[in-house]
């Protein structure tokens, strides 16, 4: 579910590498917040990453 409604940022997969160089699977999730924002002139709850909130790509509803 970790996906931004604005920029479509979602999870990334890779390898966690230990000191002994063993590799195991790892997942990085974006910092997603559930906010009430104005969508098409009406307030709606959407999931937005903190980078979109910080850069004012989202107009928050009161």
Protein backbone atom coordinates (compact mmCIF):
# COMPACT_ATOMS: atom_id res chain seq x y z
CA UNK A 1 0.00 0.00 0.00
CA UNK A 2 2.98 2.30 0.52
CA UNK A 3 2.47 4.47 -2.56
CA UNK A 4 2.19 8.24 -2.96
CA UNK A 5 -0.95 9.46 -4.73
CA UNK A 6 0.89 12.46 -6.20
CA UNK A 7 4.32 11.28 -7.40
CA UNK A 8 3.65 7.49 -7.47
CA UNK A 9 6.66 6.83 -5.21
CA UNK A 10 6.53 3.26 -3.90
CA UNK A 11 8.69 0.59 -2.28
CA UNK A 12 12.19 -0.25 -3.53
CA UNK A 13 13.85 -3.63 -3.23
CA UNK A 14 17.51 -4.50 -2.89
CA UNK A 15 20.03 -6.42 -0.82
CA UNK A 16 21.08 -5.86 2.76
CA UNK A 17 24.82 -6.60 2.86
CA UNK A 18 26.29 -7.71 6.19
CA UNK A 19 29.85 -7.25 7.39
CA UNK A 20 30.65 -10.78 6.20
CA UNK A 21 29.25 -9.80 2.75
CA UNK A 22 26.17 -12.06 3.08
CA UNK A 23 23.24 -10.71 1.11
CA UNK A 24 19.63 -10.87 2.22
CA UNK A 25 16.54 -9.25 0.77
CA UNK A 26 15.53 -5.80 1.97
CA UNK A 27 12.64 -3.45 1.24
CA UNK A 28 12.76 0.35 1.57
CA UNK A 29 9.40 2.06 2.07
CA UNK A 30 8.75 5.77 1.42
CA UNK A 31 7.58 8.02 4.24
CA UNK A 32 3.83 8.06 3.51
CA UNK A 33 1.28 10.10 5.48
CA UNK A 34 -2.53 10.03 5.30
CA UNK A 35 -3.66 13.64 4.88
CA UNK A 36 -6.87 15.45 4.07
CA UNK A 37 -6.24 17.36 0.85
CA UNK A 38 -8.28 19.27 -1.70
CA UNK A 39 -8.91 17.04 -4.74
CA UNK A 40 -11.01 18.58 -7.54
CA UNK A 41 -12.34 21.22 -5.15
CA UNK A 42 -13.47 18.76 -2.48
CA UNK A 43 -11.63 17.54 0.64
CA UNK A 44 -10.51 13.93 0.41
CA UNK A 45 -8.19 11.68 2.42
CA UNK A 46 -5.21 10.58 0.33
CA UNK A 47 -1.81 9.02 0.97
CA UNK A 48 1.06 11.43 0.23
CA UNK A 49 4.82 11.16 0.75
CA UNK A 50 6.49 13.76 2.94
CA UNK A 51 8.52 15.11 0.02
CA UNK A 52 5.31 16.13 -1.79
CA UNK A 53 4.00 17.74 1.41
CA UNK A 54 7.26 19.63 1.90
CA UNK A 55 7.38 20.92 -1.69
CA UNK A 56 3.73 22.15 -1.56
CA UNK A 57 2.51 19.83 -4.32
CA UNK A 58 -0.54 19.15 -2.12
CA UNK A 59 -3.10 21.71 -0.92
CA UNK A 60 -4.20 20.57 2.54
CA UNK A 61 -7.85 20.91 3.52
CA UNK A 62 -8.86 22.26 6.90
